[in-house]
Amino acid sequence: MTLSTAARCAIALLALAPAPLRAQTAAGRPATAAGAPARRPEWRVTLGAGAVVGPPFRDLGSDEIRAAVFPYVDIRWRDRLFLTPIEGLGVNLVAGPRLRLGVAGHVDAGRRSDDAPRLRGLGDVSAAPVLVLFGDYDLPRVSYQTAARRRLSSGGGLLVELSAAYRALPTRRLMLRVGPTVTWMDRHYATGRFGVAPARAASSGLPAHLPGAGVRDVGVRGTVLGRLRGRWSVLTYLEATRLVGGAARSPVVARATNGHVGTFLTYRF
């Protein structure tokens, strides 16, 4: 698994990570011993390393299992600006105690026809910048997330992701999050990632397949955050997803159901 593929495997992990990495009050803010909101530092930097095991995200529907070790980086300033290799460079336009709305940008690594034997003859899906509009809403025990991702390329492609998570605090040093996810794709994304055009069918040896817009996948995600001594923590992530509809019926897909497991050791500066 290449570094870029491994990083894509951690997209869901880091999307869930910011909330459990905060000590939560009913308003979602850190608290002092007296119960008053604590003043946040201007800069919050978390560094670490970990490993992810599972099929490559760049090859959706893959039946391969790979593993990789790669760094964990999360840099944030005043609850406004953030920079991570997963979320990219972004800004929280609204950063309240419960509601977060913002915009970000990152790069979609695309897909190469030599990523897997069954993709040969289908052509490459080029890498492209991605514009993300997102929103999170936190309650004391449940949070809701949504994100719309638009590929800024000639082929375009739009994904809309919805998820929810229930938080539990069994002990002061342990936090759990688990919840469902669903991802919708537009026609451009569906044909680019799961379609086989009639002109490509002969060269690829696959039957023609032209999926339309619809739900791409459903799944469940969970994180377990264990706080160690000082500023050290261990973050474990588990995900299971199933392609549905036109995506699952695509001849490009080798396995419709897949899962990922990742563990990271982090240090918060």
Protein backbone atom coordinates (compact mmCIF):
# COMPACT_ATOMS: atom_id res chain seq x y z
CA MET A 1 0.00 0.00 0.00
CA THR A 2 1.46 3.36 -0.99
CA LEU A 3 1.50 6.31 1.38
CA SER A 4 -1.24 8.10 -0.59
CA THR A 5 -3.46 5.00 -0.50
CA ALA A 6 -2.82 4.50 3.21
CA ALA A 7 -3.71 8.12 3.89
CA ARG A 8 -7.03 7.66 2.10
CA CYS A 9 -7.70 4.65 4.32
CA ALA A 10 -7.63 7.01 7.32
CA ILE A 11 -10.13 9.59 6.00
CA ALA A 12 -12.98 8.32 8.14
CA LEU A 13 -10.73 7.90 11.17
CA LEU A 14 -9.56 11.51 11.23
CA ALA A 15 -13.05 12.76 10.44
CA LEU A 16 -14.20 11.17 13.69
CA ALA A 17 -11.08 11.93 15.71
CA PRO A 18 -11.42 15.66 16.59
CA ALA A 19 -14.50 15.23 18.79
CA PRO A 20 -13.20 12.37 20.96
CA LEU A 21 -9.87 14.11 21.32
CA ARG A 22 -11.65 16.84 23.25
CA ALA A 23 -12.68 16.56 26.88
CA GLN A 24 -16.43 16.96 26.60
CA THR A 25 -18.88 18.89 28.73
CA ALA A 26 -22.58 19.09 27.93
CA ALA A 27 -21.70 21.96 25.61
CA GLY A 28 -18.84 20.07 24.01
CA ARG A 29 -16.09 22.22 25.56
CA PRO A 30 -13.25 21.41 27.98
CA ALA A 31 -14.05 22.28 31.58
CA THR A 32 -12.03 23.45 34.53
CA ALA A 33 -12.34 21.89 37.97
CA ALA A 34 -14.96 24.51 38.82
CA GLY A 35 -17.01 23.57 35.75
CA ALA A 36 -16.35 26.77 33.81
CA PRO A 37 -15.17 26.52 30.19
CA ALA A 38 -11.38 26.41 29.97
CA ARG A 39 -9.51 28.71 27.65
CA ARG A 40 -8.26 26.81 24.61
CA PRO A 41 -4.68 27.32 23.43
CA GLU A 42 -4.36 29.15 20.12
CA TRP A 43 -2.47 26.26 18.54
CA ARG A 44 -3.34 22.58 18.95
CA VAL A 45 -0.89 20.14 17.41
CA THR A 46 -1.20 16.36 17.58
CA LEU A 47 1.48 14.13 16.05
CA GLY A 48 1.92 10.40 15.99
CA ALA A 49 2.11 7.26 13.87
CA GLY A 50 0.05 4.18 13.27
CA ALA A 51 -0.98 1.38 10.97
CA VAL A 52 -4.09 0.64 8.89
CA VAL A 53 -5.10 -2.81 7.63
CA GLY A 54 -7.73 -3.28 4.92
CA PRO A 55 -8.41 -2.94 1.20
CA PRO A 56 -7.08 0.20 -0.55
CA PHE A 57 -9.61 3.03 -0.70
CA ARG A 58 -8.30 4.07 -4.10
CA ASP A 59 -9.60 0.77 -5.50
CA LEU A 60 -13.20 0.75 -4.24
CA GLY A 61 -14.58 -2.77 -4.13
CA SER A 62 -11.15 -4.37 -3.91
CA ASP A 63 -10.75 -7.90 -2.56
CA GLU A 64 -7.14 -7.27 -1.47
CA ILE A 65 -5.98 -6.79 2.11
CA ARG A 66 -2.96 -4.55 2.65
CA ALA A 67 -1.21 -2.89 5.57
CA ALA A 68 0.83 0.28 5.96
CA VAL A 69 2.48 2.40 8.64
CA PHE A 70 2.28 6.16 8.23
CA PRO A 71 2.28 9.40 10.28
CA TYR A 72 -0.64 11.08 12.03
CA VAL A 73 -0.65 14.89 11.83
CA ASP A 74 -3.36 17.29 13.01
CA ILE A 75 -2.71 21.06 13.31
CA ARG A 76 -5.44 23.53 14.34
CA TRP A 77 -5.51 27.26 15.17
CA ARG A 78 -8.16 28.94 17.32
CA ASP A 79 -10.93 26.52 16.25
CA ARG A 80 -10.79 28.29 12.87
CA LEU A 81 -8.01 27.02 10.62
CA PHE A 82 -6.87 23.43 10.30
CA LEU A 83 -4.37 21.49 8.23
CA THR A 84 -4.16 17.71 8.06
CA PRO A 85 -3.17 15.31 5.26
CA ILE A 86 -6.71 13.92 5.36
CA GLU A 87 -9.06 16.88 5.83
CA GLY A 88 -6.66 19.11 3.90
CA LEU A 89 -6.53 22.85 4.43
CA GLY A 90 -9.75 24.31 5.74
CA VAL A 91 -11.52 26.92 7.79
CA ASN A 92 -14.41 26.68 10.24
CA LEU A 93 -16.72 29.51 9.19
CA VAL A 94 -18.92 28.75 12.19
CA ALA A 95 -17.24 27.28 15.28
CA GLY A 96 -19.76 27.29 18.09
CA PRO A 97 -20.00 25.00 21.12
CA ARG A 98 -22.31 22.64 19.22
CA LEU A 99 -22.33 23.65 15.54
CA ARG A 100 -19.38 23.66 13.15
CA LEU A 101 -19.71 24.72 9.49
CA GLY A 102 -16.86 25.21 7.09
CA VAL A 103 -15.05 24.69 3.83
CA ALA A 104 -11.89 22.73 3.05
CA GLY A 105 -9.83 21.50 0.15
CA HIS A 106 -7.73 18.40 -0.44
CA VAL A 107 -6.63 16.16 -3.32
CA ASP A 108 -8.41 13.04 -4.59
CA ALA A 109 -5.68 10.62 -5.71
CA GLY A 110 -7.93 9.16 -8.41
CA ARG A 111 -7.43 5.63 -9.72
CA ARG A 112 -5.02 3.98 -12.13
CA SER A 113 -5.92 1.16 -14.50
CA ASP A 114 -2.93 -0.81 -13.19
CA ASP A 115 -4.13 -0.69 -9.56
CA ALA A 116 -5.74 -4.11 -10.08
CA PRO A 117 -5.98 -6.61 -12.97
CA ARG A 118 -9.75 -6.15 -13.37
CA LEU A 119 -9.26 -2.40 -13.96
CA ARG A 120 -7.05 -2.83 -17.00
CA GLY A 121 -8.49 -1.33 -20.14
CA LEU A 122 -10.81 1.03 -18.23
CA GLY A 123 -8.49 4.04 -18.30
CA ASP A 124 -7.32 6.15 -15.38
CA VAL A 125 -9.36 8.40 -13.11
CA SER A 126 -7.05 11.39 -12.83
CA ALA A 127 -6.08 12.99 -9.53
CA ALA A 128 -8.01 16.18 -8.88
CA PRO A 129 -8.49 18.87 -6.22
CA VAL A 130 -11.62 18.46 -4.11
CA LEU A 131 -13.75 21.19 -2.56
CA VAL A 132 -15.51 20.17 0.67
CA LEU A 133 -18.44 21.85 2.41
CA PHE A 134 -19.05 20.32 5.83
CA GLY A 135 -21.18 20.63 8.92
CA ASP A 136 -21.07 18.97 12.37
CA TYR A 137 -23.62 19.20 15.17
CA ASP A 138 -22.70 17.94 18.65
CA LEU A 139 -25.04 16.96 21.46
CA PRO A 140 -23.80 15.67 24.83
CA ARG A 141 -23.83 12.04 23.67
CA VAL A 142 -24.66 12.09 19.95
CA SER A 143 -23.10 13.97 17.05
CA TYR A 144 -24.15 14.34 13.42
CA GLN A 145 -21.88 15.03 10.46
CA THR A 146 -22.43 15.85 6.80
CA ALA A 147 -20.00 16.69 4.01
CA ALA A 148 -20.39 17.42 0.30
CA ARG A 149 -17.24 16.70 -1.76
CA ARG A 150 -16.94 18.00 -5.33
CA ARG A 151 -14.07 16.94 -7.60
CA LEU A 152 -12.83 20.02 -9.46
CA SER A 153 -12.01 18.29 -12.73
CA SER A 154 -13.50 17.90 -16.21
CA GLY A 155 -15.28 14.71 -15.14
CA GLY A 156 -16.54 16.28 -11.93
CA GLY A 157 -18.20 14.02 -9.42
CA LEU A 158 -20.08 14.77 -6.20
CA LEU A 159 -20.25 12.74 -2.99
CA VAL A 160 -22.54 13.59 -0.06
CA GLU A 161 -21.71 11.83 3.20
CA LEU A 162 -24.01 11.59 6.22
CA SER A 163 -23.05 10.02 9.53
CA ALA A 164 -23.93 9.97 13.20
CA ALA A 165 -22.04 8.78 16.26
CA TYR A 166 -22.94 7.89 19.83
CA ARG A 167 -20.31 8.75 22.45
CA ALA A 168 -19.73 6.83 25.66
CA LEU A 169 -17.28 7.50 28.50
CA PRO A 170 -16.83 4.23 30.43
CA THR A 171 -13.91 5.76 32.39
CA ARG A 172 -12.08 9.08 32.56
CA ARG A 173 -9.38 7.69 30.27
CA LEU A 174 -11.55 5.84 27.76
CA MET A 175 -13.92 7.23 25.13
CA LEU A 176 -15.97 5.24 22.60
CA ARG A 177 -17.76 6.43 19.45
CA VAL A 178 -19.86 4.33 17.11
CA GLY A 179 -22.49 5.08 14.50
CA PRO A 180 -23.86 4.55 11.00
CA THR A 181 -22.74 6.14 7.73
CA VAL A 182 -24.26 6.53 4.27
CA THR A 183 -22.73 8.02 1.11
CA TRP A 184 -24.62 9.28 -1.95
CA MET A 185 -22.96 9.76 -5.35
CA ASP A 186 -24.03 11.71 -8.42
CA ARG A 187 -24.07 10.28 -11.98
CA HIS A 188 -20.62 11.65 -12.88
CA TYR A 189 -18.98 9.98 -9.89
CA ALA A 190 -20.92 6.75 -10.47
CA THR A 191 -19.89 6.40 -14.10
CA GLY A 192 -16.29 7.45 -13.42
CA ARG A 193 -15.67 4.97 -10.58
CA PHE A 194 -18.12 2.13 -11.24
CA GLY A 195 -19.09 2.45 -14.89
CA VAL A 196 -17.85 0.49 -17.89
CA ALA A 197 -18.59 2.43 -21.09
CA PRO A 198 -19.54 0.35 -24.14
CA ALA A 199 -16.38 1.58 -25.88
CA ARG A 200 -14.29 0.26 -22.96
CA ALA A 201 -16.10 -3.06 -22.59
CA ALA A 202 -14.26 -4.79 -25.43
CA SER A 203 -10.78 -3.70 -24.32
CA SER A 204 -11.39 -4.51 -20.65
CA GLY A 205 -13.27 -7.79 -21.13
CA LEU A 206 -16.01 -6.57 -18.77
CA PRO A 207 -19.69 -6.11 -19.60
CA ALA A 208 -20.92 -2.56 -20.14
CA HIS A 209 -22.35 -0.95 -17.02
CA LEU A 210 -23.70 2.61 -16.72
CA PRO A 211 -24.85 3.28 -13.13
CA GLY A 212 -26.80 6.41 -12.26
CA ALA A 213 -26.92 8.63 -9.20
CA GLY A 214 -27.81 6.94 -5.92
CA VAL A 215 -26.51 5.64 -2.61
CA ARG A 216 -22.96 4.35 -2.99
CA ASP A 217 -22.51 2.61 0.36
CA VAL A 218 -23.78 2.16 3.89
CA GLY A 219 -21.70 1.22 6.88
CA VAL A 220 -20.76 1.58 10.51
CA ARG A 221 -17.71 3.25 12.07
CA GLY A 222 -16.28 3.23 15.54
CA THR A 223 -13.35 4.74 17.42
CA VAL A 224 -11.83 3.89 20.79
CA LEU A 225 -9.66 6.57 22.42
CA GLY A 226 -7.50 5.51 25.34
CA ARG A 227 -5.64 8.23 27.21
CA LEU A 228 -2.22 7.21 28.49
CA ARG A 229 0.08 9.16 30.78
CA GLY A 230 0.57 12.85 30.13
CA ARG A 231 -0.34 13.88 26.60
CA TRP A 232 -0.08 10.41 25.03
CA SER A 233 -3.11 8.59 23.64
CA VAL A 234 -3.92 5.46 21.64
CA LEU A 235 -6.64 5.78 19.01
CA THR A 236 -8.15 2.67 17.40
CA TYR A 237 -10.53 2.81 14.46
CA LEU A 238 -12.83 0.17 12.95
CA GLU A 239 -15.02 0.50 9.87
CA ALA A 240 -17.24 -1.83 7.85
CA THR A 241 -18.93 -0.68 4.62
CA ARG A 242 -21.05 -2.28 1.93
CA LEU A 243 -21.49 -0.97 -1.58
CA VAL A 244 -25.13 -0.97 -2.69
CA GLY A 245 -27.19 -0.32 -5.80
CA GLY A 246 -25.40 0.42 -9.04
CA ALA A 247 -22.03 0.46 -7.29
CA ALA A 248 -22.46 -3.08 -5.90
CA ARG A 249 -23.65 -4.42 -9.28
CA SER A 250 -20.65 -2.99 -11.13
CA PRO A 251 -18.33 -5.54 -12.81
CA VAL A 252 -15.49 -3.34 -11.54
CA VAL A 253 -16.27 -4.44 -7.96
CA ALA A 254 -14.61 -7.63 -6.70
CA ARG A 255 -16.08 -7.47 -3.17
CA ALA A 256 -18.99 -5.33 -2.08
CA THR A 257 -18.37 -5.62 1.67
CA ASN A 258 -15.09 -4.46 3.18
CA GLY A 259 -13.59 -3.30 6.44
CA HIS A 260 -10.62 -1.38 7.86
CA VAL A 261 -8.87 -1.41 11.21
CA GLY A 262 -6.33 1.19 12.29
CA THR A 263 -4.38 1.98 15.47
CA PHE A 264 -2.40 5.18 16.19
CA LEU A 265 -0.17 6.34 19.01
CA THR A 266 -0.41 10.14 19.31
CA TYR A 267 1.11 12.97 21.33
CA ARG A 268 -0.71 16.28 21.85
CA PHE A 269 1.58 19.32 22.13
